[in-house]
C-alpha atoms as a PDB file:
ATOM      1  CA  MET A   1      13.110 -13.068  11.654  1.00  0.00           C
ATOM      2  CA  GLU A   2      12.033 -15.422   9.414  1.00  0.00           C
ATOM      3  CA  PHE A   3       9.057 -13.856   7.959  1.00  0.00           C
ATOM      4  CA  LEU A   4       9.426 -10.191   8.860  1.00  0.00           C
ATOM      5  CA  ARG A   5      12.050  -7.830   7.158  1.00  0.00           C
ATOM      6  CA  ASN A   6      12.984  -4.250   6.657  1.00  0.00           C
ATOM      7  CA  LEU A   7      11.163  -3.445  10.384  1.00  0.00           C
ATOM      8  CA  PRO A   8      12.724  -1.902  13.411  1.00  0.00           C
ATOM      9  CA  THR A   9      13.979  -4.335  16.022  1.00  0.00           C
ATOM     10  CA  ASP A  10      15.642  -2.096  18.476  1.00  0.00           C
ATOM     11  CA  ASP A  11      13.441   0.932  18.893  1.00  0.00           C
ATOM     12  CA  PRO A  12       9.981   1.582  18.029  1.00  0.00           C
ATOM     13  CA  ALA A  13       9.313   3.572  14.684  1.00  0.00           C
ATOM     14  CA  ALA A  14       6.353   4.961  12.582  1.00  0.00           C
ATOM     15  CA  LEU A  15       5.708   3.058   9.517  1.00  0.00           C
ATOM     16  CA  ALA A  16       5.451   6.154   7.493  1.00  0.00           C
ATOM     17  CA  GLY A  17       8.552   7.262   8.314  1.00  0.00           C
ATOM     18  CA  LEU A  18      10.246   3.926   6.741  1.00  0.00           C
ATOM     19  CA  ILE A  19       9.637   4.967   3.084  1.00  0.00           C
ATOM     20  CA  ASP A  20      10.135   8.142   1.526  1.00  0.00           C
ATOM     21  CA  ILE A  21       8.078   9.953  -1.676  1.00  0.00           C
ATOM     22  CA  ARG A  22      10.116  10.690  -4.478  1.00  0.00           C
ATOM     23  CA  PRO A  23       8.688  12.892  -6.868  1.00  0.00           C
ATOM     24  CA  GLY A  24       8.006  10.829 -10.325  1.00  0.00           C
ATOM     25  CA  ARG A  25       8.362   7.597  -8.906  1.00  0.00           C
ATOM     26  CA  VAL A  26       6.302   4.600  -6.784  1.00  0.00           C
ATOM     27  CA  VAL A  27       8.917   3.362  -3.901  1.00  0.00           C
ATOM     28  CA  SER A  28       8.145   0.209  -2.177  1.00  0.00           C
ATOM     29  CA  MET A  29       9.648  -1.671   0.628  1.00  0.00           C
ATOM     30  CA  ALA A  30       8.718  -5.344   1.391  1.00  0.00           C
ATOM     31  CA  LEU A  31       8.162  -6.244   5.159  1.00  0.00           C
ATOM     32  CA  THR A  32       7.590  -9.959   4.816  1.00  0.00           C
ATOM     33  CA  ARG A  33       9.042 -13.046   3.431  1.00  0.00           C
ATOM     34  CA  SER A  34       6.186 -15.315   2.567  1.00  0.00           C
ATOM     35  CA  GLU A  35       3.941 -16.712  -0.143  1.00  0.00           C
ATOM     36  CA  HIS A  36       0.544 -16.680   1.870  1.00  0.00           C
ATOM     37  CA  CYS A  37       1.097 -13.054   3.359  1.00  0.00           C
ATOM     38  CA  GLN A  38       2.776 -10.113   1.456  1.00  0.00           C
ATOM     39  CA  MET A  39       3.000  -6.706   3.560  1.00  0.00           C
ATOM     40  CA  THR A  40       4.676  -3.789   1.601  1.00  0.00           C
ATOM     41  CA  LEU A  41       5.080  -0.125   2.157  1.00  0.00           C
ATOM     42  CA  LEU A  42       4.563   1.893  -0.779  1.00  0.00           C
ATOM     43  CA  ALA A  43       5.399   5.569  -1.311  1.00  0.00           C
ATOM     44  CA  PHE A  44       3.524   7.505  -4.377  1.00  0.00           C
ATOM     45  CA  GLY A  45       5.028  10.553  -5.844  1.00  0.00           C
ATOM     46  CA  ASP A  46       2.433  13.519  -6.798  1.00  0.00           C
ATOM     47  CA  GLY A  47       0.604  11.899  -9.923  1.00  0.00           C
ATOM     48  CA  GLU A  48       1.818   8.517  -9.516  1.00  0.00           C
ATOM     49  CA  SER A  49      -0.486   5.592  -9.699  1.00  0.00           C
ATOM     50  CA  VAL A  50      -0.535   1.573 -10.243  1.00  0.00           C
ATOM     51  CA  SER A  51      -2.783   0.576 -13.275  1.00  0.00           C
ATOM     52  CA  GLU A  52      -5.602  -1.900 -12.713  1.00  0.00           C
ATOM     53  CA  GLU A  53      -4.602  -5.195 -10.878  1.00  0.00           C
ATOM     54  CA  ARG A  54      -5.921  -8.227  -9.242  1.00  0.00           C
ATOM     55  CA  TYR A  55      -4.420  -9.724  -6.674  1.00  0.00           C
ATOM     56  CA  PHE A  56      -3.924 -13.685  -5.423  1.00  0.00           C
ATOM     57  CA  GLY A  57      -5.577 -13.027  -2.136  1.00  0.00           C
ATOM     58  CA  ASP A  58      -7.647 -10.531  -0.032  1.00  0.00           C
ATOM     59  CA  THR A  59      -5.736  -7.133  -0.183  1.00  0.00           C
ATOM     60  CA  LEU A  60      -6.009  -4.555   2.675  1.00  0.00           C
ATOM     61  CA  TYR A  61      -5.089  -0.971   2.143  1.00  0.00           C
ATOM     62  CA  TYR A  62      -4.112   1.130   4.947  1.00  0.00           C
ATOM     63  CA  VAL A  63      -3.399   4.896   4.101  1.00  0.00           C
ATOM     64  CA  LEU A  64      -0.369   6.076   6.268  1.00  0.00           C
ATOM     65  CA  GLU A  65      -0.038   9.916   5.043  1.00  0.00           C
ATOM     66  CA  GLY A  66      -2.107  11.869   2.380  1.00  0.00           C
ATOM     67  CA  SER A  67      -5.167  10.436   0.516  1.00  0.00           C
ATOM     68  CA  MET A  68      -5.331   7.596  -1.912  1.00  0.00           C
ATOM     69  CA  PRO A  69      -7.762   7.297  -4.802  1.00  0.00           C
ATOM     70  CA  LEU A  70      -8.626   3.764  -5.261  1.00  0.00           C
ATOM     71  CA  ARG A  71     -10.860   2.826  -8.383  1.00  0.00           C
ATOM     72  CA  THR A  72     -12.897  -0.170  -8.817  1.00  0.00           C
ATOM     73  CA  GLU A  73     -15.935  -1.088 -11.554  1.00  0.00           C
ATOM     74  CA  MET A  74     -18.314   0.574  -8.834  1.00  0.00           C
ATOM     75  CA  GLY A  75     -16.353   3.999  -9.305  1.00  0.00           C
ATOM     76  CA  GLU A  76     -13.598   5.916  -7.080  1.00  0.00           C
ATOM     77  CA  ARG A  77     -13.173   6.334  -3.542  1.00  0.00           C
ATOM     78  CA  ILE A  78     -10.844   8.345  -1.729  1.00  0.00           C
ATOM     79  CA  LEU A  79      -9.002   6.894   1.599  1.00  0.00           C
ATOM     80  CA  ALA A  80      -7.569   9.669   4.135  1.00  0.00           C
ATOM     81  CA  ALA A  81      -4.729   9.086   6.209  1.00  0.00           C
ATOM     82  CA  GLY A  82      -5.841   6.319   9.117  1.00  0.00           C
ATOM     83  CA  GLN A  83      -8.226   4.794   6.953  1.00  0.00           C
ATOM     84  CA  CYS A  84      -8.361   1.032   5.253  1.00  0.00           C
ATOM     85  CA  LEU A  85     -10.383  -0.774   2.844  1.00  0.00           C
ATOM     86  CA  ALA A  86     -10.348  -4.356   2.022  1.00  0.00           C
ATOM     87  CA  MET A  87     -10.512  -5.734  -1.572  1.00  0.00           C
ATOM     88  CA  PRO A  88     -11.526  -9.353  -2.120  1.00  0.00           C
ATOM     89  CA  THR A  89      -9.491 -11.667  -3.859  1.00  0.00           C
ATOM     90  CA  GLY A  90      -9.814 -11.215  -7.707  1.00  0.00           C
ATOM     91  CA  VAL A  91     -11.299  -7.799  -7.683  1.00  0.00           C
ATOM     92  CA  SER A  92     -10.010  -5.551 -10.594  1.00  0.00           C
ATOM     93  CA  HIS A  93      -8.701  -2.362  -8.840  1.00  0.00           C
ATOM     94  CA  ALA A  94      -6.206   0.695  -9.348  1.00  0.00           C
ATOM     95  CA  ILE A  95      -5.005   3.014  -7.097  1.00  0.00           C
ATOM     96  CA  GLY A  96      -2.948   6.629  -7.003  1.00  0.00           C
ATOM     97  CA  GLY A  97      -3.159   9.515  -9.418  1.00  0.00           C
ATOM     98  CA  ALA A  98      -3.557  12.289  -7.164  1.00  0.00           C
ATOM     99  CA  GLY A  99      -1.227  13.943  -4.775  1.00  0.00           C
ATOM    100  CA  PRO A 100       1.554  11.972  -2.661  1.00  0.00           C
ATOM    101  CA  PHE A 101       0.826   9.489  -0.306  1.00  0.00           C
ATOM    102  CA  LYS A 102       2.027   6.608   1.984  1.00  0.00           C
ATOM    103  CA  LEU A 103       0.266   2.980   2.275  1.00  0.00           C
ATOM    104  CA  LEU A 104       0.542  -0.042   3.882  1.00  0.00           C
ATOM    105  CA  GLN A 105      -0.624  -3.186   1.595  1.00  0.00           C
ATOM    106  CA  ILE A 106      -1.251  -6.386   2.893  1.00  0.00           C
ATOM    107  CA  THR A 107      -2.288  -9.297   0.836  1.00  0.00           C
ATOM    108  CA  VAL A 108      -3.304 -12.813   2.511  1.00  0.00           C
ATOM    109  CA  GLN A 109      -4.045 -15.894   0.634  1.00  0.00           C
END
């Protein structure tokens, strides 16, 4: 495959099962090879977070397991498993800092 990687090609699998939560770490797995679309699986250990960031394109967060705190200038939101939220290009935000969770992050330019 030219653009997708680290994904099952023979048998279907749950996205959440492709990455493991590790205590004290943020684990990531890139699912694409493209400068215009980045898809990444992320697994956050209990209390782990990513500080404020701004992305090059619109970003979609889809929570696979657990619940994900997302902080913006307008306050904090908690996304539960199965929920998603989009952040526009250039909007500063931070994620994590609570219990363990897994998510799919897609950024499109």
